[in-house]
């Protein structure tokens, strides 16, 4: 629910700053590492947005997979438990996550 509140707060703040009166759709990217499930985000969005400018808006989600970059060889890869999250290129354990751990509001559609 905290993810949904954060999304709503962000969009409402932007709407106020830009004097937007009607929002029909909010598009967000959801990192796979967040643990947030799109169906729950959408359900709670409908509930939490009641009585706000977003009450009739639709929340569209897109899952962003986890990606890591190896600090040793520079490979970009998807960390996997089956290989202990090691870089498949060189076997290093010094990868850093570069995508998939955030929820980002990508766009707001107004009419």
PDB file of N, CA and C in Angstrom:
ATOM      1  N   UNK A   1       0.814  -1.194   0.000  1.00  0.00           N
ATOM      2  CA  UNK A   1       0.000   0.000   0.000  1.00  0.00           C
ATOM      3  C   UNK A   1       0.863   1.266   0.000  1.00  0.00           C
ATOM      4  N   UNK A   2       2.036   1.190   0.624  1.00  0.00           N
ATOM      5  CA  UNK A   2       2.895   2.379   0.667  1.00  0.00           C
ATOM      6  C   UNK A   2       3.365   2.776  -0.730  1.00  0.00           C
ATOM      7  N   UNK A   3       3.559   1.785  -1.614  1.00  0.00           N
ATOM      8  CA  UNK A   3       3.932   2.105  -2.989  1.00  0.00           C
ATOM      9  C   UNK A   3       2.818   2.902  -3.661  1.00  0.00           C
ATOM     10  N   UNK A   4       1.589   2.486  -3.446  1.00  0.00           N
ATOM     11  CA  UNK A   4       0.435   3.138  -4.070  1.00  0.00           C
ATOM     12  C   UNK A   4       0.297   4.570  -3.554  1.00  0.00           C
ATOM     13  N   UNK A   5       0.436   4.748  -2.256  1.00  0.00           N
ATOM     14  CA  UNK A   5       0.337   6.091  -1.675  1.00  0.00           C
ATOM     15  C   UNK A   5       1.418   6.995  -2.258  1.00  0.00           C
ATOM     16  N   UNK A   6       2.615   6.457  -2.416  1.00  0.00           N
ATOM     17  CA  UNK A   6       3.708   7.235  -2.996  1.00  0.00           C
ATOM     18  C   UNK A   6       3.405   7.635  -4.444  1.00  0.00           C
ATOM     19  N   UNK A   7       2.862   6.705  -5.221  1.00  0.00           N
ATOM     20  CA  UNK A   7       2.490   7.002  -6.612  1.00  0.00           C
ATOM     21  C   UNK A   7       1.437   8.097  -6.641  1.00  0.00           C
ATOM     22  N   UNK A   8       0.397   7.948  -5.838  1.00  0.00           N
ATOM     23  CA  UNK A   8      -0.689   8.931  -5.806  1.00  0.00           C
ATOM     24  C   UNK A   8      -0.170  10.293  -5.379  1.00  0.00           C
ATOM     25  N   UNK A   9       0.637  10.338  -4.319  1.00  0.00           N
ATOM     26  CA  UNK A   9       1.192  11.612  -3.856  1.00  0.00           C
ATOM     27  C   UNK A   9       2.020  12.292  -4.928  1.00  0.00           C
ATOM     28  N   UNK A  10       2.845  11.519  -5.626  1.00  0.00           N
ATOM     29  CA  UNK A  10       3.692  12.071  -6.687  1.00  0.00           C
ATOM     30  C   UNK A  10       2.851  12.659  -7.807  1.00  0.00           C
ATOM     31  N   UNK A  11       1.845  11.915  -8.242  1.00  0.00           N
ATOM     32  CA  UNK A  11       1.004  12.376  -9.353  1.00  0.00           C
ATOM     33  C   UNK A  11       0.172  13.587  -8.943  1.00  0.00           C
ATOM     34  N   UNK A  12      -0.400  13.558  -7.749  1.00  0.00           N
ATOM     35  CA  UNK A  12      -1.215  14.700  -7.297  1.00  0.00           C
ATOM     36  C   UNK A  12      -0.372  15.960  -7.146  1.00  0.00           C
ATOM     37  N   UNK A  13       0.843  15.810  -6.658  1.00  0.00           N
ATOM     38  CA  UNK A  13       1.738  16.967  -6.523  1.00  0.00           C
ATOM     39  C   UNK A  13       2.042  17.571  -7.897  1.00  0.00           C
ATOM     40  N   UNK A  14       2.353  16.702  -8.858  1.00  0.00           N
ATOM     41  CA  UNK A  14       2.630  17.173 -10.218  1.00  0.00           C
ATOM     42  C   UNK A  14       1.398  17.822 -10.830  1.00  0.00           C
ATOM     43  N   UNK A  15       0.234  17.225 -10.618  1.00  0.00           N
ATOM     44  CA  UNK A  15      -1.016  17.780 -11.155  1.00  0.00           C
ATOM     45  C   UNK A  15      -1.279  19.162 -10.587  1.00  0.00           C
ATOM     46  N   UNK A  16      -1.019  19.330  -9.299  1.00  0.00           N
ATOM     47  CA  UNK A  16      -1.218  20.636  -8.675  1.00  0.00           C
ATOM     48  C   UNK A  16      -0.243  21.670  -9.241  1.00  0.00           C
ATOM     49  N   UNK A  17       1.017  21.293  -9.370  1.00  0.00           N
ATOM     50  CA  UNK A  17       2.037  22.209  -9.891  1.00  0.00           C
ATOM     51  C   UNK A  17       1.738  22.651 -11.323  1.00  0.00           C
ATOM     52  N   UNK A  18       1.162  21.725 -12.123  1.00  0.00           N
ATOM     53  CA  UNK A  18       0.907  22.019 -13.532  1.00  0.00           C
ATOM     54  C   UNK A  18      -0.551  22.358 -13.809  1.00  0.00           C
ATOM     55  N   UNK A  19      -1.331  22.511 -12.735  1.00  0.00           N
ATOM     56  CA  UNK A  19      -2.744  22.865 -12.843  1.00  0.00           C
ATOM     57  C   UNK A  19      -3.521  21.890 -13.739  1.00  0.00           C
ATOM     58  N   UNK A  20      -3.285  20.608 -13.555  1.00  0.00           N
ATOM     59  CA  UNK A  20      -3.975  19.566 -14.313  1.00  0.00           C
ATOM     60  C   UNK A  20      -5.263  19.219 -13.574  1.00  0.00           C
ATOM     61  N   UNK A  21      -6.358  19.172 -14.306  1.00  0.00           N
ATOM     62  CA  UNK A  21      -7.661  18.947 -13.687  1.00  0.00           C
ATOM     63  C   UNK A  21      -8.259  17.575 -13.950  1.00  0.00           C
ATOM     64  N   UNK A  22      -7.783  16.862 -14.981  1.00  0.00           N
ATOM     65  CA  UNK A  22      -8.389  15.586 -15.331  1.00  0.00           C
ATOM     66  C   UNK A  22      -7.305  14.594 -15.752  1.00  0.00           C
ATOM     67  N   UNK A  23      -7.141  13.540 -14.980  1.00  0.00           N
ATOM     68  CA  UNK A  23      -6.160  12.507 -15.295  1.00  0.00           C
ATOM     69  C   UNK A  23      -6.910  11.212 -15.562  1.00  0.00           C
ATOM     70  N   UNK A  24      -6.621  10.605 -16.714  1.00  0.00           N
ATOM     71  CA  UNK A  24      -7.315   9.376 -17.079  1.00  0.00           C
ATOM     72  C   UNK A  24      -6.463   8.124 -16.908  1.00  0.00           C
ATOM     73  N   UNK A  25      -5.152   8.285 -16.907  1.00  0.00           N
ATOM     74  CA  UNK A  25      -4.277   7.117 -16.833  1.00  0.00           C
ATOM     75  C   UNK A  25      -2.926   7.502 -16.226  1.00  0.00           C
ATOM     76  N   UNK A  26      -2.419   6.633 -15.371  1.00  0.00           N
ATOM     77  CA  UNK A  26      -1.083   6.789 -14.801  1.00  0.00           C
ATOM     78  C   UNK A  26      -0.309   5.538 -15.176  1.00  0.00           C
ATOM     79  N   UNK A  27       0.842   5.718 -15.828  1.00  0.00           N
ATOM     80  CA  UNK A  27       1.669   4.587 -16.236  1.00  0.00           C
ATOM     81  C   UNK A  27       2.920   4.541 -15.364  1.00  0.00           C
ATOM     82  N   UNK A  28       3.158   3.358 -14.794  1.00  0.00           N
ATOM     83  CA  UNK A  28       4.315   3.193 -13.921  1.00  0.00           C
ATOM     84  C   UNK A  28       5.138   1.975 -14.324  1.00  0.00           C
ATOM     85  N   UNK A  29       6.450   2.081 -14.093  1.00  0.00           N
ATOM     86  CA  UNK A  29       7.356   0.949 -14.262  1.00  0.00           C
ATOM     87  C   UNK A  29       7.625   0.392 -12.870  1.00  0.00           C
ATOM     88  N   UNK A  30       7.472  -0.920 -12.726  1.00  0.00           N
ATOM     89  CA  UNK A  30       7.618  -1.583 -11.439  1.00  0.00           C
ATOM     90  C   UNK A  30       8.806  -2.537 -11.510  1.00  0.00           C
ATOM     91  N   UNK A  31       9.829  -2.242 -10.746  1.00  0.00           N
ATOM     92  CA  UNK A  31      11.003  -3.103 -10.711  1.00  0.00           C
ATOM     93  C   UNK A  31      10.681  -4.439 -10.073  1.00  0.00           C
ATOM     94  N   UNK A  32      11.189  -5.506 -10.656  1.00  0.00           N
ATOM     95  CA  UNK A  32      10.913  -6.854 -10.169  1.00  0.00           C
ATOM     96  C   UNK A  32      11.404  -7.052  -8.732  1.00  0.00           C
ATOM     97  N   UNK A  33      12.437  -6.330  -8.318  1.00  0.00           N
ATOM     98  CA  UNK A  33      12.968  -6.484  -6.962  1.00  0.00           C
ATOM     99  C   UNK A  33      12.097  -5.839  -5.900  1.00  0.00           C
ATOM    100  N   UNK A  34      11.155  -4.985  -6.302  1.00  0.00           N
ATOM    101  CA  UNK A  34      10.325  -4.309  -5.302  1.00  0.00           C
ATOM    102  C   UNK A  34       9.394  -5.276  -4.596  1.00  0.00           C
ATOM    103  N   UNK A  35       9.067  -6.360  -5.262  1.00  0.00           N
ATOM    104  CA  UNK A  35       8.116  -7.308  -4.690  1.00  0.00           C
ATOM    105  C   UNK A  35       6.680  -6.867  -4.857  1.00  0.00           C
ATOM    106  N   UNK A  36       6.469  -5.731  -5.494  1.00  0.00           N
ATOM    107  CA  UNK A  36       5.109  -5.222  -5.714  1.00  0.00           C
ATOM    108  C   UNK A  36       4.469  -5.966  -6.883  1.00  0.00           C
ATOM    109  N   UNK A  37       3.280  -6.467  -6.672  1.00  0.00           N
ATOM    110  CA  UNK A  37       2.553  -7.176  -7.727  1.00  0.00           C
ATOM    111  C   UNK A  37       1.582  -6.227  -8.408  1.00  0.00           C
ATOM    112  N   UNK A  38       1.652  -6.145  -9.740  1.00  0.00           N
ATOM    113  CA  UNK A  38       0.800  -5.198 -10.466  1.00  0.00           C
ATOM    114  C   UNK A  38      -0.684  -5.295 -10.123  1.00  0.00           C
ATOM    115  N   UNK A  39      -1.198  -6.510  -9.960  1.00  0.00           N
ATOM    116  CA  UNK A  39      -2.629  -6.641  -9.678  1.00  0.00           C
ATOM    117  C   UNK A  39      -2.997  -6.013  -8.331  1.00  0.00           C
ATOM    118  N   UNK A  40      -2.106  -6.089  -7.352  1.00  0.00           N
ATOM    119  CA  UNK A  40      -2.367  -5.457  -6.059  1.00  0.00           C
ATOM    120  C   UNK A  40      -2.208  -3.943  -6.150  1.00  0.00           C
ATOM    121  N   UNK A  41      -1.194  -3.491  -6.890  1.00  0.00           N
ATOM    122  CA  UNK A  41      -1.034  -2.043  -7.074  1.00  0.00           C
ATOM    123  C   UNK A  41      -2.285  -1.449  -7.695  1.00  0.00           C
ATOM    124  N   UNK A  42      -2.800  -2.103  -8.730  1.00  0.00           N
ATOM    125  CA  UNK A  42      -3.987  -1.613  -9.426  1.00  0.00           C
ATOM    126  C   UNK A  42      -5.212  -1.631  -8.503  1.00  0.00           C
ATOM    127  N   UNK A  43      -5.369  -2.697  -7.735  1.00  0.00           N
ATOM    128  CA  UNK A  43      -6.495  -2.802  -6.807  1.00  0.00           C
ATOM    129  C   UNK A  43      -6.431  -1.703  -5.750  1.00  0.00           C
ATOM    130  N   UNK A  44      -5.278  -1.553  -5.107  1.00  0.00           N
ATOM    131  CA  UNK A  44      -5.140  -0.553  -4.052  1.00  0.00           C
ATOM    132  C   UNK A  44      -5.165   0.863  -4.598  1.00  0.00           C
ATOM    133  N   UNK A  45      -4.723   1.042  -5.822  1.00  0.00           N
ATOM    134  CA  UNK A  45      -4.789   2.362  -6.455  1.00  0.00           C
ATOM    135  C   UNK A  45      -6.243   2.811  -6.546  1.00  0.00           C
ATOM    136  N   UNK A  46      -7.104   1.910  -6.991  1.00  0.00           N
ATOM    137  CA  UNK A  46      -8.531   2.248  -7.099  1.00  0.00           C
ATOM    138  C   UNK A  46      -9.098   2.655  -5.742  1.00  0.00           C
ATOM    139  N   UNK A  47      -8.733   1.932  -4.705  1.00  0.00           N
ATOM    140  CA  UNK A  47      -9.242   2.221  -3.368  1.00  0.00           C
ATOM    141  C   UNK A  47      -8.650   3.503  -2.793  1.00  0.00           C
ATOM    142  N   UNK A  48      -7.341   3.663  -2.905  1.00  0.00           N
ATOM    143  CA  UNK A  48      -6.660   4.812  -2.302  1.00  0.00           C
ATOM    144  C   UNK A  48      -6.905   6.122  -3.041  1.00  0.00           C
ATOM    145  N   UNK A  49      -7.305   6.044  -4.295  1.00  0.00           N
ATOM    146  CA  UNK A  49      -7.507   7.271  -5.073  1.00  0.00           C
ATOM    147  C   UNK A  49      -8.933   7.818  -4.967  1.00  0.00           C
ATOM    148  N   UNK A  50      -9.812   7.100  -4.280  1.00  0.00           N
ATOM    149  CA  UNK A  50     -11.196   7.578  -4.129  1.00  0.00           C
ATOM    150  C   UNK A  50     -11.207   8.956  -3.483  1.00  0.00           C
ATOM    151  N   UNK A  51     -12.023   9.845  -4.065  1.00  0.00           N
ATOM    152  CA  UNK A  51     -12.143  11.196  -3.539  1.00  0.00           C
ATOM    153  C   UNK A  51     -11.042  12.135  -3.984  1.00  0.00           C
ATOM    154  N   UNK A  52     -10.173  11.671  -4.893  1.00  0.00           N
ATOM    155  CA  UNK A  52      -9.094  12.524  -5.404  1.00  0.00           C
ATOM    156  C   UNK A  52      -9.252  12.717  -6.911  1.00  0.00           C
ATOM    157  N   UNK A  53      -8.401  13.523  -7.454  1.00  0.00           N
ATOM    158  CA  UNK A  53      -8.347  13.757  -8.894  1.00  0.00           C
ATOM    159  C   UNK A  53      -8.105  12.465  -9.675  1.00  0.00           C
ATOM    160  N   UNK A  54      -7.574  11.463  -9.013  1.00  0.00           N
ATOM    161  CA  UNK A  54      -7.237  10.196  -9.666  1.00  0.00           C
ATOM    162  C   UNK A  54      -8.322   9.129  -9.535  1.00  0.00           C
ATOM    163  N   UNK A  55      -9.432   9.481  -8.956  1.00  0.00           N
ATOM    164  CA  UNK A  55     -10.476   8.505  -8.658  1.00  0.00           C
ATOM    165  C   UNK A  55     -10.904   7.681  -9.870  1.00  0.00           C
ATOM    166  N   UNK A  56     -10.969   8.291 -11.041  1.00  0.00           N
ATOM    167  CA  UNK A  56     -11.422   7.577 -12.233  1.00  0.00           C
ATOM    168  C   UNK A  56     -10.270   7.209 -13.172  1.00  0.00           C
ATOM    169  N   UNK A  57      -9.055   7.453 -12.735  1.00  0.00           N
ATOM    170  CA  UNK A  57      -7.885   7.137 -13.551  1.00  0.00           C
ATOM    171  C   UNK A  57      -7.568   5.646 -13.467  1.00  0.00           C
ATOM    172  N   UNK A  58      -6.923   5.149 -14.508  1.00  0.00           N
ATOM    173  CA  UNK A  58      -6.479   3.767 -14.572  1.00  0.00           C
ATOM    174  C   UNK A  58      -4.975   3.748 -14.301  1.00  0.00           C
ATOM    175  N   UNK A  59      -4.538   2.765 -13.531  1.00  0.00           N
ATOM    176  CA  UNK A  59      -3.111   2.572 -13.293  1.00  0.00           C
ATOM    177  C   UNK A  59      -2.636   1.456 -14.208  1.00  0.00           C
ATOM    178  N   UNK A  60      -1.678   1.773 -15.072  1.00  0.00           N
ATOM    179  CA  UNK A  60      -1.082   0.764 -15.957  1.00  0.00           C
ATOM    180  C   UNK A  60       0.337   0.498 -15.473  1.00  0.00           C
ATOM    181  N   UNK A  61       0.668  -0.783 -15.334  1.00  0.00           N
ATOM    182  CA  UNK A  61       1.988  -1.150 -14.836  1.00  0.00           C
ATOM    183  C   UNK A  61       2.776  -1.938 -15.868  1.00  0.00           C
ATOM    184  N   UNK A  62       4.065  -1.738 -15.813  1.00  0.00           N
ATOM    185  CA  UNK A  62       4.994  -2.489 -16.667  1.00  0.00           C
ATOM    186  C   UNK A  62       6.106  -2.997 -15.759  1.00  0.00           C
ATOM    187  N   UNK A  63       6.362  -4.299 -15.811  1.00  0.00           N
ATOM    188  CA  UNK A  63       7.410  -4.900 -14.976  1.00  0.00           C
ATOM    189  C   UNK A  63       8.777  -4.673 -15.621  1.00  0.00           C
ATOM    190  N   UNK A  64       9.708  -4.200 -14.823  1.00  0.00           N
ATOM    191  CA  UNK A  64      11.089  -4.005 -15.264  1.00  0.00           C
ATOM    192  C   UNK A  64      11.926  -5.110 -14.618  1.00  0.00           C
ATOM    193  N   UNK A  65      12.536  -5.972 -15.437  1.00  0.00           N
ATOM    194  CA  UNK A  65      13.323  -7.072 -14.864  1.00  0.00           C
ATOM    195  C   UNK A  65      14.589  -6.557 -14.179  1.00  0.00           C
ATOM    196  N   UNK A  66      15.125  -7.386 -13.316  1.00  0.00           N
ATOM    197  CA  UNK A  66      16.365  -7.050 -12.622  1.00  0.00           C
ATOM    198  C   UNK A  66      17.525  -7.217 -13.593  1.00  0.00           C
ATOM    199  N   UNK A  67      18.419  -6.253 -13.587  1.00  0.00           N
ATOM    200  CA  UNK A  67      19.650  -6.346 -14.380  1.00  0.00           C
ATOM    201  C   UNK A  67      20.811  -5.901 -13.493  1.00  0.00           C
ATOM    202  N   UNK A  68      21.933  -6.556 -13.683  1.00  0.00           N
ATOM    203  CA  UNK A  68      23.141  -6.217 -12.928  1.00  0.00           C
ATOM    204  C   UNK A  68      24.286  -5.984 -13.905  1.00  0.00           C
ATOM    205  N   UNK A  69      25.259  -5.207 -13.441  1.00  0.00           N
ATOM    206  CA  UNK A  69      26.466  -4.973 -14.231  1.00  0.00           C
ATOM    207  C   UNK A  69      27.648  -5.486 -13.424  1.00  0.00           C
ATOM    208  N   UNK A  70      28.443  -6.307 -14.062  1.00  0.00           N
ATOM    209  CA  UNK A  70      29.615  -6.870 -13.404  1.00  0.00           C
ATOM    210  C   UNK A  70      30.698  -5.802 -13.273  1.00  0.00           C
ATOM    211  N   UNK A  71      31.194  -5.622 -12.069  1.00  0.00           N
ATOM    212  CA  UNK A  71      32.253  -4.637 -11.821  1.00  0.00           C
ATOM    213  C   UNK A  71      33.600  -5.081 -12.386  1.00  0.00           C
ATOM    214  N   UNK A  72      33.743  -6.384 -12.633  1.00  0.00           N
ATOM    215  CA  UNK A  72      35.011  -6.903 -13.139  1.00  0.00           C
ATOM    216  C   UNK A  72      35.097  -6.896 -14.660  1.00  0.00           C
ATOM    217  N   UNK A  73      34.059  -7.434 -15.333  1.00  0.00           N
ATOM    218  CA  UNK A  73      34.148  -7.547 -16.798  1.00  0.00           C
ATOM    219  C   UNK A  73      33.180  -6.622 -17.550  1.00  0.00           C
ATOM    220  N   UNK A  74      32.281  -5.975 -16.823  1.00  0.00           N
ATOM    221  CA  UNK A  74      31.363  -5.031 -17.465  1.00  0.00           C
ATOM    222  C   UNK A  74      30.125  -5.654 -18.092  1.00  0.00           C
ATOM    223  N   UNK A  75      29.966  -6.964 -17.978  1.00  0.00           N
ATOM    224  CA  UNK A  75      28.792  -7.623 -18.551  1.00  0.00           C
ATOM    225  C   UNK A  75      27.515  -7.158 -17.856  1.00  0.00           C
ATOM    226  N   UNK A  76      26.453  -7.039 -18.639  1.00  0.00           N
ATOM    227  CA  UNK A  76      25.120  -6.775 -18.106  1.00  0.00           C
ATOM    228  C   UNK A  76      24.387  -8.107 -18.130  1.00  0.00           C
ATOM    229  N   UNK A  77      23.803  -8.488 -17.008  1.00  0.00           N
ATOM    230  CA  UNK A  77      23.163  -9.796 -16.923  1.00  0.00           C
ATOM    231  C   UNK A  77      21.998  -9.777 -15.946  1.00  0.00           C
ATOM    232  N   UNK A  78      21.204 -10.834 -16.014  1.00  0.00           N
ATOM    233  CA  UNK A  78      20.115 -11.039 -15.070  1.00  0.00           C
ATOM    234  C   UNK A  78      20.621 -11.959 -13.968  1.00  0.00           C
ATOM    235  N   UNK A  79      20.717 -11.452 -12.745  1.00  0.00           N
ATOM    236  CA  UNK A  79      21.185 -12.307 -11.648  1.00  0.00           C
ATOM    237  C   UNK A  79      20.216 -13.461 -11.418  1.00  0.00           C
ATOM    238  N   UNK A  80      20.761 -14.651 -11.241  1.00  0.00           N
ATOM    239  CA  UNK A  80      19.918 -15.827 -11.050  1.00  0.00           C
ATOM    240  C   UNK A  80      20.398 -16.636  -9.853  1.00  0.00           C
ATOM    241  N   UNK A  81      19.432 -17.077  -9.082  1.00  0.00           N
ATOM    242  CA  UNK A  81      19.731 -17.875  -7.897  1.00  0.00           C
ATOM    243  C   UNK A  81      20.473 -19.156  -8.279  1.00  0.00           C
ATOM    244  N   UNK A  82      20.096 -19.738  -9.422  1.00  0.00           N
ATOM    245  CA  UNK A  82      20.669 -21.030  -9.828  1.00  0.00           C
ATOM    246  C   UNK A  82      22.193 -20.979  -9.976  1.00  0.00           C
ATOM    247  N   UNK A  83      22.771 -19.810 -10.254  1.00  0.00           N
ATOM    248  CA  UNK A  83      24.227 -19.714 -10.336  1.00  0.00           C
ATOM    249  C   UNK A  83      24.779 -18.807  -9.219  1.00  0.00           C
ATOM    250  N   UNK A  84      24.021 -18.720  -8.132  1.00  0.00           N
ATOM    251  CA  UNK A  84      24.408 -17.938  -6.942  1.00  0.00           C
ATOM    252  C   UNK A  84      24.596 -16.454  -7.251  1.00  0.00           C
ATOM    253  N   UNK A  85      23.876 -15.963  -8.250  1.00  0.00           N
ATOM    254  CA  UNK A  85      23.889 -14.545  -8.639  1.00  0.00           C
ATOM    255  C   UNK A  85      25.231 -14.083  -9.186  1.00  0.00           C
ATOM    256  N   UNK A  86      26.053 -15.021  -9.608  1.00  0.00           N
ATOM    257  CA  UNK A  86      27.368 -14.684 -10.157  1.00  0.00           C
ATOM    258  C   UNK A  86      27.242 -14.214 -11.601  1.00  0.00           C
ATOM    259  N   UNK A  87      28.216 -13.434 -12.043  1.00  0.00           N
ATOM    260  CA  UNK A  87      28.266 -12.976 -13.431  1.00  0.00           C
ATOM    261  C   UNK A  87      28.461 -14.189 -14.336  1.00  0.00           C
ATOM    262  N   UNK A  88      27.595 -14.381 -15.326  1.00  0.00           N
ATOM    263  CA  UNK A  88      27.763 -15.517 -16.237  1.00  0.00           C
ATOM    264  C   UNK A  88      28.963 -15.347 -17.175  1.00  0.00           C
ATOM    265  N   UNK A  89      29.458 -14.121 -17.312  1.00  0.00           N
ATOM    266  CA  UNK A  89      30.587 -13.877 -18.199  1.00  0.00           C
ATOM    267  C   UNK A  89      31.920 -14.268 -17.594  1.00  0.00           C
ATOM    268  N   UNK A  90      32.121 -13.931 -16.305  1.00  0.00           N
ATOM    269  CA  UNK A  90      33.432 -14.180 -15.700  1.00  0.00           C
ATOM    270  C   UNK A  90      33.357 -14.898 -14.347  1.00  0.00           C
ATOM    271  N   UNK A  91      32.148 -15.094 -13.828  1.00  0.00           N
ATOM    272  CA  UNK A  91      31.995 -15.794 -12.561  1.00  0.00           C
ATOM    273  C   UNK A  91      32.175 -14.924 -11.328  1.00  0.00           C
ATOM    274  N   UNK A  92      32.352 -13.638 -11.537  1.00  0.00           N
ATOM    275  CA  UNK A  92      32.570 -12.718 -10.425  1.00  0.00           C
ATOM    276  C   UNK A  92      31.300 -12.541  -9.592  1.00  0.00           C
ATOM    277  N   UNK A  93      31.510 -12.219  -8.328  1.00  0.00           N
ATOM    278  CA  UNK A  93      30.380 -11.906  -7.446  1.00  0.00           C
ATOM    279  C   UNK A  93      30.275 -10.410  -7.188  1.00  0.00           C
ATOM    280  N   UNK A  94      30.946  -9.617  -8.003  1.00  0.00           N
ATOM    281  CA  UNK A  94      30.983  -8.172  -7.763  1.00  0.00           C
ATOM    282  C   UNK A  94      30.028  -7.389  -8.662  1.00  0.00           C
ATOM    283  N   UNK A  95      28.873  -7.966  -8.951  1.00  0.00           N
ATOM    284  CA  UNK A  95      27.882  -7.253  -9.747  1.00  0.00           C
ATOM    285  C   UNK A  95      27.102  -6.266  -8.908  1.00  0.00           C
ATOM    286  N   UNK A  96      26.600  -5.234  -9.559  1.00  0.00           N
ATOM    287  CA  UNK A  96      25.735  -4.267  -8.869  1.00  0.00           C
ATOM    288  C   UNK A  96      24.441  -4.129  -9.663  1.00  0.00           C
ATOM    289  N   UNK A  97      23.352  -4.049  -8.956  1.00  0.00           N
ATOM    290  CA  UNK A  97      22.041  -3.936  -9.591  1.00  0.00           C
ATOM    291  C   UNK A  97      21.928  -2.568 -10.257  1.00  0.00           C
ATOM    292  N   UNK A  98      21.541  -2.568 -11.540  1.00  0.00           N
ATOM    293  CA  UNK A  98      21.399  -1.311 -12.270  1.00  0.00           C
ATOM    294  C   UNK A  98      19.957  -1.043 -12.701  1.00  0.00           C
ATOM    295  N   UNK A  99      19.097  -2.019 -12.561  1.00  0.00           N
ATOM    296  CA  UNK A  99      17.685  -1.802 -12.880  1.00  0.00           C
ATOM    297  C   UNK A  99      16.835  -2.846 -12.183  1.00  0.00           C
ATOM    298  N   UNK A 100      15.588  -2.454 -11.889  1.00  0.00           N
ATOM    299  CA  UNK A 100      14.634  -3.407 -11.348  1.00  0.00           C
ATOM    300  C   UNK A 100      14.325  -3.281  -9.876  1.00  0.00           C
ATOM    301  N   UNK A 101      14.779  -2.198  -9.236  1.00  0.00           N
ATOM    302  CA  UNK A 101      14.478  -2.089  -7.812  1.00  0.00           C
ATOM    303  C   UNK A 101      13.649  -0.861  -7.441  1.00  0.00           C
ATOM    304  N   UNK A 102      13.106  -0.183  -8.442  1.00  0.00           N
ATOM    305  CA  UNK A 102      12.331   1.028  -8.187  1.00  0.00           C
ATOM    306  C   UNK A 102      10.935   0.944  -8.784  1.00  0.00           C
ATOM    307  N   UNK A 103      10.078   1.826  -8.325  1.00  0.00           N
ATOM    308  CA  UNK A 103       8.805   2.064  -8.963  1.00  0.00           C
ATOM    309  C   UNK A 103       8.845   3.515  -9.434  1.00  0.00           C
ATOM    310  N   UNK A 104       8.622   3.712 -10.743  1.00  0.00           N
ATOM    311  CA  UNK A 104       8.760   5.032 -11.346  1.00  0.00           C
ATOM    312  C   UNK A 104       7.476   5.386 -12.098  1.00  0.00           C
ATOM    313  N   UNK A 105       6.992   6.607 -11.860  1.00  0.00           N
ATOM    314  CA  UNK A 105       5.863   7.101 -12.648  1.00  0.00           C
ATOM    315  C   UNK A 105       6.426   7.535 -13.989  1.00  0.00           C
ATOM    316  N   UNK A 106       6.020   6.830 -15.058  1.00  0.00           N
ATOM    317  CA  UNK A 106       6.522   7.112 -16.395  1.00  0.00           C
ATOM    318  C   UNK A 106       5.751   8.236 -17.078  1.00  0.00           C
ATOM    319  N   UNK A 107       4.433   8.190 -16.951  1.00  0.00           N
ATOM    320  CA  UNK A 107       3.628   9.218 -17.612  1.00  0.00           C
ATOM    321  C   UNK A 107       2.259   9.322 -16.981  1.00  0.00           C
ATOM    322  N   UNK A 108       1.656  10.473 -17.204  1.00  0.00           N
ATOM    323  CA  UNK A 108       0.307  10.760 -16.744  1.00  0.00           C
ATOM    324  C   UNK A 108      -0.456  11.229 -17.965  1.00  0.00           C
ATOM    325  N   UNK A 109      -1.576  10.590 -18.241  1.00  0.00           N
ATOM    326  CA  UNK A 109      -2.372  10.954 -19.411  1.00  0.00           C
ATOM    327  C   UNK A 109      -3.585  11.755 -18.961  1.00  0.00           C
ATOM    328  N   UNK A 110      -3.751  12.892 -19.595  1.00  0.00           N
ATOM    329  CA  UNK A 110      -4.826  13.818 -19.232  1.00  0.00           C
ATOM    330  C   UNK A 110      -5.760  14.012 -20.409  1.00  0.00           C
ATOM    331  N   UNK A 111      -6.990  14.328 -20.106  1.00  0.00           N
ATOM    332  CA  UNK A 111      -7.964  14.688 -21.152  1.00  0.00           C
ATOM    333  C   UNK A 111      -8.592  16.012 -20.822  1.00  0.00           C
TER     334      UNK A 111
END
